[in-house]
N, C-alpha and C. Protein backbone atom coordinates (compact mmCIF):
# COMPACT_ATOMS: atom_id res chain seq x y z
N MET A 1 0.89 -1.28 0.10
CA MET A 1 -0.03 -0.10 0.24
C MET A 1 0.99 1.19 0.05
N LYS A 2 1.98 1.06 0.60
CA LYS A 2 2.78 2.24 0.92
C LYS A 2 3.24 2.77 -0.66
N ARG A 3 3.48 1.81 -1.55
CA ARG A 3 3.85 2.23 -3.07
C ARG A 3 2.77 3.08 -3.35
N TYR A 4 1.41 2.74 -3.54
CA TYR A 4 0.20 3.31 -3.88
C TYR A 4 0.26 4.33 -3.45
N GLU A 5 0.42 4.91 -1.92
CA GLU A 5 0.30 6.19 -1.47
C GLU A 5 1.26 6.98 -1.92
N SER A 6 2.25 6.54 -2.27
CA SER A 6 3.51 7.49 -2.77
C SER A 6 3.16 7.95 -4.21
N ILE A 7 2.50 6.91 -4.95
CA ILE A 7 2.14 7.31 -6.48
C ILE A 7 0.93 8.21 -6.41
N LEU A 8 0.08 8.27 -5.45
CA LEU A 8 -1.04 9.11 -5.28
C LEU A 8 -0.34 10.65 -4.86
N ASP A 9 0.43 10.43 -3.81
CA ASP A 9 1.06 11.75 -3.40
C ASP A 9 1.73 12.56 -4.68
N PHE A 10 2.38 11.74 -5.49
CA PHE A 10 3.06 12.39 -6.64
C PHE A 10 1.98 12.98 -7.42
N ILE A 11 0.98 12.35 -7.60
CA ILE A 11 0.10 12.76 -8.71
C ILE A 11 -0.54 13.86 -8.35
N ILE A 12 -1.03 14.00 -7.15
CA ILE A 12 -1.67 15.12 -6.42
C ILE A 12 -0.63 16.36 -6.38
N SER A 13 0.42 16.14 -6.19
CA SER A 13 1.40 17.28 -6.11
C SER A 13 1.82 17.92 -7.57
N GLN A 14 1.33 17.11 -8.68
CA GLN A 14 1.70 17.65 -9.98
C GLN A 14 0.40 17.94 -10.65
N PRO A 15 -0.19 19.03 -10.35
CA PRO A 15 -1.42 19.42 -10.93
C PRO A 15 -1.25 19.66 -12.44
N GLN A 16 -0.31 19.80 -13.01
CA GLN A 16 -0.19 19.87 -14.38
C GLN A 16 -0.44 18.41 -15.07
N LEU A 17 -0.53 17.56 -14.79
CA LEU A 17 -0.51 16.28 -15.32
C LEU A 17 -1.93 16.14 -15.95
N ASP A 18 -2.02 15.99 -17.15
CA ASP A 18 -3.41 15.73 -17.99
C ASP A 18 -3.36 14.13 -18.03
N LEU A 19 -2.34 13.58 -18.34
CA LEU A 19 -2.29 11.80 -18.58
C LEU A 19 -1.51 11.29 -17.53
N VAL A 20 -1.95 10.30 -16.89
CA VAL A 20 -1.08 9.43 -16.24
C VAL A 20 -1.59 8.12 -16.46
N CYS A 21 -0.30 7.32 -16.96
CA CYS A 21 -0.38 5.93 -17.23
C CYS A 21 0.17 4.96 -16.56
N LEU A 22 -0.49 4.13 -15.61
CA LEU A 22 0.16 3.24 -14.81
C LEU A 22 0.17 1.81 -15.04
N GLN A 23 1.07 1.15 -15.04
CA GLN A 23 1.26 -0.45 -15.67
C GLN A 23 1.27 -1.07 -14.21
N GLU A 24 1.05 -2.21 -14.31
CA GLU A 24 1.10 -3.22 -13.11
C GLU A 24 0.16 -2.69 -12.09
N PHE A 25 -1.09 -1.99 -12.44
CA PHE A 25 -1.91 -1.47 -11.55
C PHE A 25 -2.88 -2.51 -10.99
N TRP A 26 -2.84 -2.62 -9.78
CA TRP A 26 -3.58 -3.71 -9.16
C TRP A 26 -5.12 -3.43 -8.90
N PHE A 27 -5.97 -4.33 -9.36
CA PHE A 27 -7.46 -3.89 -9.37
C PHE A 27 -7.99 -4.44 -8.15
N LYS A 28 -7.29 -4.68 -7.07
CA LYS A 28 -7.88 -4.88 -5.73
C LYS A 28 -8.60 -3.89 -5.16
N GLU A 29 -9.88 -4.23 -4.14
CA GLU A 29 -10.88 -3.33 -3.75
C GLU A 29 -10.16 -2.26 -3.23
N ASP A 30 -9.06 -2.39 -2.23
CA ASP A 30 -8.75 -1.48 -1.33
C ASP A 30 -7.87 -0.20 -2.22
N VAL A 31 -7.06 -0.77 -3.08
CA VAL A 31 -6.40 -0.01 -4.02
C VAL A 31 -7.64 0.85 -4.81
N GLN A 32 -8.51 0.33 -5.29
CA GLN A 32 -9.48 0.80 -5.96
C GLN A 32 -9.98 1.90 -5.36
N GLU A 33 -10.40 1.88 -4.13
CA GLU A 33 -11.17 2.74 -3.15
C GLU A 33 -10.08 3.83 -3.07
N MET A 34 -8.83 3.66 -2.64
CA MET A 34 -7.82 4.54 -2.38
C MET A 34 -7.62 5.54 -3.54
N PHE A 35 -7.61 5.12 -4.89
CA PHE A 35 -7.64 5.86 -5.84
C PHE A 35 -8.79 6.78 -6.03
N LEU A 36 -10.12 6.06 -5.97
CA LEU A 36 -11.15 6.74 -5.96
C LEU A 36 -11.31 8.11 -5.24
N ALA A 37 -10.97 7.72 -3.77
CA ALA A 37 -11.28 8.67 -2.90
C ALA A 37 -10.22 9.93 -3.23
N LYS A 38 -9.04 9.78 -3.50
CA LYS A 38 -7.95 10.74 -3.80
C LYS A 38 -8.15 11.61 -5.28
N LEU A 39 -8.66 10.86 -6.22
CA LEU A 39 -8.33 11.15 -7.58
C LEU A 39 -9.83 11.53 -8.15
N ASN A 40 -10.83 10.76 -7.85
CA ASN A 40 -12.14 10.86 -8.66
C ASN A 40 -12.48 12.46 -8.90
N ALA A 41 -12.14 13.27 -8.09
CA ALA A 41 -12.70 14.70 -8.48
C ALA A 41 -12.21 15.22 -9.69
N ASN A 42 -10.76 14.81 -10.01
CA ASN A 42 -9.83 15.35 -10.93
C ASN A 42 -9.86 14.65 -12.35
N TYR A 43 -9.91 13.20 -11.98
CA TYR A 43 -9.41 12.37 -13.07
C TYR A 43 -10.59 11.29 -13.42
N THR A 44 -10.60 11.06 -14.64
CA THR A 44 -11.34 9.74 -14.99
C THR A 44 -10.47 8.56 -15.44
N ARG A 45 -10.72 7.46 -14.79
CA ARG A 45 -9.91 6.53 -14.88
C ARG A 45 -10.40 5.31 -16.23
N ILE A 46 -9.28 5.03 -16.95
CA ILE A 46 -9.68 3.96 -18.07
C ILE A 46 -8.87 2.76 -17.47
N GLU A 47 -9.52 1.39 -17.59
CA GLU A 47 -8.78 0.51 -17.05
C GLU A 47 -8.62 -0.69 -17.90
N LEU A 48 -7.60 -1.43 -18.03
CA LEU A 48 -7.38 -2.41 -18.71
C LEU A 48 -7.01 -3.75 -17.95
N LYS A 49 -7.79 -4.87 -17.57
CA LYS A 49 -6.99 -5.48 -16.76
C LYS A 49 -6.47 -6.59 -17.33
N ARG A 50 -5.39 -7.48 -17.01
CA ARG A 50 -4.87 -8.63 -17.82
C ARG A 50 -5.89 -9.59 -17.89
N GLN A 51 -5.66 -10.30 -18.79
CA GLN A 51 -6.71 -11.51 -19.22
C GLN A 51 -6.09 -12.55 -18.20
N GLY A 52 -7.11 -13.46 -17.92
CA GLY A 52 -7.13 -14.48 -16.92
C GLY A 52 -7.23 -14.25 -15.47
N ARG A 53 -6.50 -14.83 -14.67
CA ARG A 53 -6.95 -14.59 -13.37
C ARG A 53 -6.10 -13.61 -12.74
N LYS A 54 -5.26 -12.89 -13.29
CA LYS A 54 -4.34 -11.91 -13.17
C LYS A 54 -5.18 -10.48 -12.40
N ALA A 55 -4.62 -10.03 -11.41
CA ALA A 55 -5.33 -9.03 -10.51
C ALA A 55 -4.80 -7.76 -11.00
N ASP A 56 -3.86 -7.45 -12.03
CA ASP A 56 -3.31 -6.46 -12.40
C ASP A 56 -3.45 -5.89 -14.01
N GLY A 57 -3.17 -4.79 -14.23
CA GLY A 57 -3.18 -4.50 -15.65
C GLY A 57 -3.00 -2.98 -15.78
N LEU A 58 -3.56 -2.36 -16.83
CA LEU A 58 -3.21 -0.87 -17.01
C LEU A 58 -4.27 0.13 -16.38
N ALA A 59 -3.99 1.28 -16.03
CA ALA A 59 -4.79 2.11 -15.45
C ALA A 59 -4.26 3.54 -16.06
N ILE A 60 -5.09 4.40 -16.80
CA ILE A 60 -4.86 5.51 -17.48
C ILE A 60 -5.69 6.53 -16.72
N LEU A 61 -5.27 7.51 -16.19
CA LEU A 61 -6.06 8.73 -15.71
C LEU A 61 -5.98 9.80 -16.56
N VAL A 62 -7.20 10.29 -16.87
CA VAL A 62 -7.40 11.27 -17.97
C VAL A 62 -7.91 12.63 -16.86
N HIS A 63 -7.22 13.53 -17.24
CA HIS A 63 -7.64 14.89 -16.29
C HIS A 63 -9.08 15.35 -16.83
N ARG A 64 -9.87 15.72 -16.01
CA ARG A 64 -11.34 16.01 -16.13
C ARG A 64 -11.57 17.15 -17.08
N SER A 65 -10.32 17.94 -17.14
CA SER A 65 -10.54 19.30 -17.92
C SER A 65 -10.09 19.15 -19.30
N LEU A 66 -9.74 17.91 -19.70
CA LEU A 66 -9.70 17.38 -21.06
C LEU A 66 -10.76 16.81 -21.77
N GLN A 67 -11.91 16.64 -21.02
CA GLN A 67 -13.04 15.99 -21.35
C GLN A 67 -14.05 17.05 -21.76
């Protein structure tokens, strides 16, 4: 979880970021909730989960000002 907290802190501290691409993003409920709570107001998230039983994939954050 510390890794994701660091990622979130970085994204929040860089308001000029329009797009953020995260690989090996875990789609576990606690990680999802953390990202929604901190970024949902400013970013829309596009997700692409790996096939099979894997719990990770890609997450692309798009700043709402671009929509």
